Amino acid sequence: RVLSGTDYRGQFPGSTRLVSIGGTTVTYQAVKAVRESGGCAISVSDAEAAEARRALARAGVYAEASSATVLAAAYHLREQGWLDAGDRVVLIVTSHGFKGPAVR
């Protein structure tokens, strides 16, 4: 909503199990970074994050669920045509899996 013109200083209530990133506010720095980089923001559901977390675990990366959202977002970007099959993408996973429940 903020990237479409809503004031970033507002509250954005919602419900998620992704506690590390599930706040109700947005920072000016985040909005500025997305706009200046020509990037975008992607919403990822709890279920998509859980599946991405399992995919990362199968690849040997034990990530916390909130960190796994980067892979789920990459899936969205691929589906929307932002990424091509041959593109190189760096996904930064900032939290290890020991912060949350075990991967199932």
C-alpha atoms as a PDB file:
ATOM      1  CA  ARG A   1       0.000   0.000   0.000  1.00  0.00           C
ATOM      2  CA  VAL A   2       2.797   2.422   0.844  1.00  0.00           C
ATOM      3  CA  LEU A   3       4.406   2.030  -2.581  1.00  0.00           C
ATOM      4  CA  SER A   4       1.032   2.951  -4.092  1.00  0.00           C
ATOM      5  CA  GLY A   5       0.852   6.208  -2.153  1.00  0.00           C
ATOM      6  CA  THR A   6      -0.388   5.424   1.364  1.00  0.00           C
ATOM      7  CA  ASP A   7       1.527   7.340   4.044  1.00  0.00           C
ATOM      8  CA  TYR A   8       4.282   5.065   5.384  1.00  0.00           C
ATOM      9  CA  ARG A   9       3.795   6.477   8.904  1.00  0.00           C
ATOM     10  CA  GLY A  10       0.476   4.658   9.299  1.00  0.00           C
ATOM     11  CA  GLN A  11      -0.316   1.354  10.945  1.00  0.00           C
ATOM     12  CA  PHE A  12      -0.833  -1.738   8.796  1.00  0.00           C
ATOM     13  CA  PRO A  13      -2.488  -4.398  10.958  1.00  0.00           C
ATOM     14  CA  GLY A  14      -2.499  -7.987   9.866  1.00  0.00           C
ATOM     15  CA  SER A  15      -1.976 -11.486  11.112  1.00  0.00           C
ATOM     16  CA  THR A  16       1.063 -13.655  10.473  1.00  0.00           C
ATOM     17  CA  ARG A  17       3.152 -16.297  12.168  1.00  0.00           C
ATOM     18  CA  LEU A  18       6.289 -14.667  10.708  1.00  0.00           C
ATOM     19  CA  VAL A  19       7.077 -12.784  13.882  1.00  0.00           C
ATOM     20  CA  SER A  20      10.478 -11.451  12.817  1.00  0.00           C
ATOM     21  CA  ILE A  21       8.909  -9.441  10.001  1.00  0.00           C
ATOM     22  CA  GLY A  22       5.271  -9.271  11.070  1.00  0.00           C
ATOM     23  CA  GLY A  23       5.236  -5.743  12.441  1.00  0.00           C
ATOM     24  CA  THR A  24       2.530  -3.202  11.720  1.00  0.00           C
ATOM     25  CA  THR A  25       4.791  -0.380  10.525  1.00  0.00           C
ATOM     26  CA  VAL A  26       7.027   0.480   7.583  1.00  0.00           C
ATOM     27  CA  THR A  27      10.274   2.450   7.732  1.00  0.00           C
ATOM     28  CA  TYR A  28      11.121   5.407   5.539  1.00  0.00           C
ATOM     29  CA  GLN A  29      14.463   3.755   4.757  1.00  0.00           C
ATOM     30  CA  ALA A  30      12.759   0.627   3.413  1.00  0.00           C
ATOM     31  CA  VAL A  31      10.407   2.632   1.190  1.00  0.00           C
ATOM     32  CA  LYS A  32      13.285   4.780  -0.069  1.00  0.00           C
ATOM     33  CA  ALA A  33      15.444   1.731  -0.851  1.00  0.00           C
ATOM     34  CA  VAL A  34      12.687   0.044  -2.851  1.00  0.00           C
ATOM     35  CA  ARG A  35      11.877   3.199  -4.818  1.00  0.00           C
ATOM     36  CA  GLU A  36      15.490   4.175  -5.545  1.00  0.00           C
ATOM     37  CA  SER A  37      16.485   0.670  -6.604  1.00  0.00           C
ATOM     38  CA  GLY A  38      13.547   0.242  -8.965  1.00  0.00           C
ATOM     39  CA  GLY A  39      12.532  -2.755  -6.872  1.00  0.00           C
ATOM     40  CA  CYS A  40       9.210  -3.932  -5.559  1.00  0.00           C
ATOM     41  CA  ALA A  41       7.598  -5.416  -2.466  1.00  0.00           C
ATOM     42  CA  ILE A  42       6.133  -8.911  -2.420  1.00  0.00           C
ATOM     43  CA  SER A  43       3.570 -10.294   0.031  1.00  0.00           C
ATOM     44  CA  VAL A  44       4.283 -13.845   1.123  1.00  0.00           C
ATOM     45  CA  SER A  45       1.792 -15.986   3.021  1.00  0.00           C
ATOM     46  CA  ASP A  46       2.687 -18.071   6.049  1.00  0.00           C
ATOM     47  CA  ALA A  47       2.121 -21.220   3.970  1.00  0.00           C
ATOM     48  CA  GLU A  48       4.429 -19.983   1.191  1.00  0.00           C
ATOM     49  CA  ALA A  49       7.115 -19.139   3.738  1.00  0.00           C
ATOM     50  CA  ALA A  50       6.785 -22.598   5.304  1.00  0.00           C
ATOM     51  CA  GLU A  51       7.167 -24.298   1.918  1.00  0.00           C
ATOM     52  CA  ALA A  52      10.167 -22.116   1.056  1.00  0.00           C
ATOM     53  CA  ARG A  53      11.686 -22.992   4.435  1.00  0.00           C
ATOM     54  CA  ARG A  54      11.314 -26.694   3.633  1.00  0.00           C
ATOM     55  CA  ALA A  55      12.915 -26.148   0.207  1.00  0.00           C
ATOM     56  CA  LEU A  56      15.853 -24.351   1.811  1.00  0.00           C
ATOM     57  CA  ALA A  57      16.204 -27.163   4.371  1.00  0.00           C
ATOM     58  CA  ARG A  58      16.312 -29.750   1.563  1.00  0.00           C
ATOM     59  CA  ALA A  59      19.156 -27.696   0.054  1.00  0.00           C
ATOM     60  CA  GLY A  60      21.028 -27.711   3.372  1.00  0.00           C
ATOM     61  CA  VAL A  61      20.089 -24.214   4.567  1.00  0.00           C
ATOM     62  CA  TYR A  62      18.403 -24.212   7.979  1.00  0.00           C
ATOM     63  CA  ALA A  63      16.525 -20.898   7.922  1.00  0.00           C
ATOM     64  CA  GLU A  64      14.044 -19.310  10.280  1.00  0.00           C
ATOM     65  CA  ALA A  65      10.602 -18.982   8.640  1.00  0.00           C
ATOM     66  CA  SER A  66      10.784 -15.193   8.249  1.00  0.00           C
ATOM     67  CA  SER A  67      14.121 -15.523   6.455  1.00  0.00           C
ATOM     68  CA  ALA A  68      12.684 -18.110   4.079  1.00  0.00           C
ATOM     69  CA  THR A  69      10.332 -15.468   2.690  1.00  0.00           C
ATOM     70  CA  VAL A  70      13.131 -14.362   0.360  1.00  0.00           C
ATOM     71  CA  LEU A  71      12.854 -17.655  -1.545  1.00  0.00           C
ATOM     72  CA  ALA A  72       9.059 -17.478  -1.603  1.00  0.00           C
ATOM     73  CA  ALA A  73       9.315 -13.920  -2.951  1.00  0.00           C
ATOM     74  CA  ALA A  74      11.754 -15.098  -5.637  1.00  0.00           C
ATOM     75  CA  TYR A  75       9.187 -17.695  -6.720  1.00  0.00           C
ATOM     76  CA  HIS A  76       6.618 -14.882  -7.060  1.00  0.00           C
ATOM     77  CA  LEU A  77       9.042 -12.730  -9.053  1.00  0.00           C
ATOM     78  CA  ARG A  78       9.748 -15.633 -11.417  1.00  0.00           C
ATOM     79  CA  GLU A  79       6.017 -16.254 -11.912  1.00  0.00           C
ATOM     80  CA  GLN A  80       5.437 -12.542 -12.601  1.00  0.00           C
ATOM     81  CA  GLY A  81       8.219 -12.348 -15.187  1.00  0.00           C
ATOM     82  CA  TRP A  82      10.624 -10.199 -13.156  1.00  0.00           C
ATOM     83  CA  LEU A  83      13.171 -13.042 -13.170  1.00  0.00           C
ATOM     84  CA  ASP A  84      14.185 -15.315 -16.017  1.00  0.00           C
ATOM     85  CA  ALA A  85      15.346 -18.923 -15.677  1.00  0.00           C
ATOM     86  CA  GLY A  86      18.993 -17.998 -16.335  1.00  0.00           C
ATOM     87  CA  ASP A  87      19.149 -15.005 -13.981  1.00  0.00           C
ATOM     88  CA  ARG A  88      21.515 -15.043 -11.025  1.00  0.00           C
ATOM     89  CA  VAL A  89      19.817 -14.046  -7.815  1.00  0.00           C
ATOM     90  CA  VAL A  90      21.262 -13.487  -4.346  1.00  0.00           C
ATOM     91  CA  LEU A  91      18.915 -14.305  -1.479  1.00  0.00           C
ATOM     92  CA  ILE A  92      20.031 -13.085   1.932  1.00  0.00           C
ATOM     93  CA  VAL A  93      18.899 -15.367   4.747  1.00  0.00           C
ATOM     94  CA  THR A  94      19.407 -13.438   7.969  1.00  0.00           C
ATOM     95  CA  SER A  95      18.128 -15.832  10.640  1.00  0.00           C
ATOM     96  CA  HIS A  96      18.955 -19.465  11.355  1.00  0.00           C
ATOM     97  CA  GLY A  97      16.335 -22.110  11.979  1.00  0.00           C
ATOM     98  CA  PHE A  98      17.116 -22.524  15.657  1.00  0.00           C
ATOM     99  CA  LYS A  99      14.983 -19.418  16.307  1.00  0.00           C
ATOM    100  CA  GLY A 100      11.752 -21.234  15.535  1.00  0.00           C
ATOM    101  CA  PRO A 101      10.084 -24.636  15.474  1.00  0.00           C
ATOM    102  CA  ALA A 102      11.765 -27.478  13.607  1.00  0.00           C
ATOM    103  CA  VAL A 103      11.238 -27.857   9.867  1.00  0.00           C
ATOM    104  CA  ARG A 104       8.641 -30.518   9.107  1.00  0.00           C
END
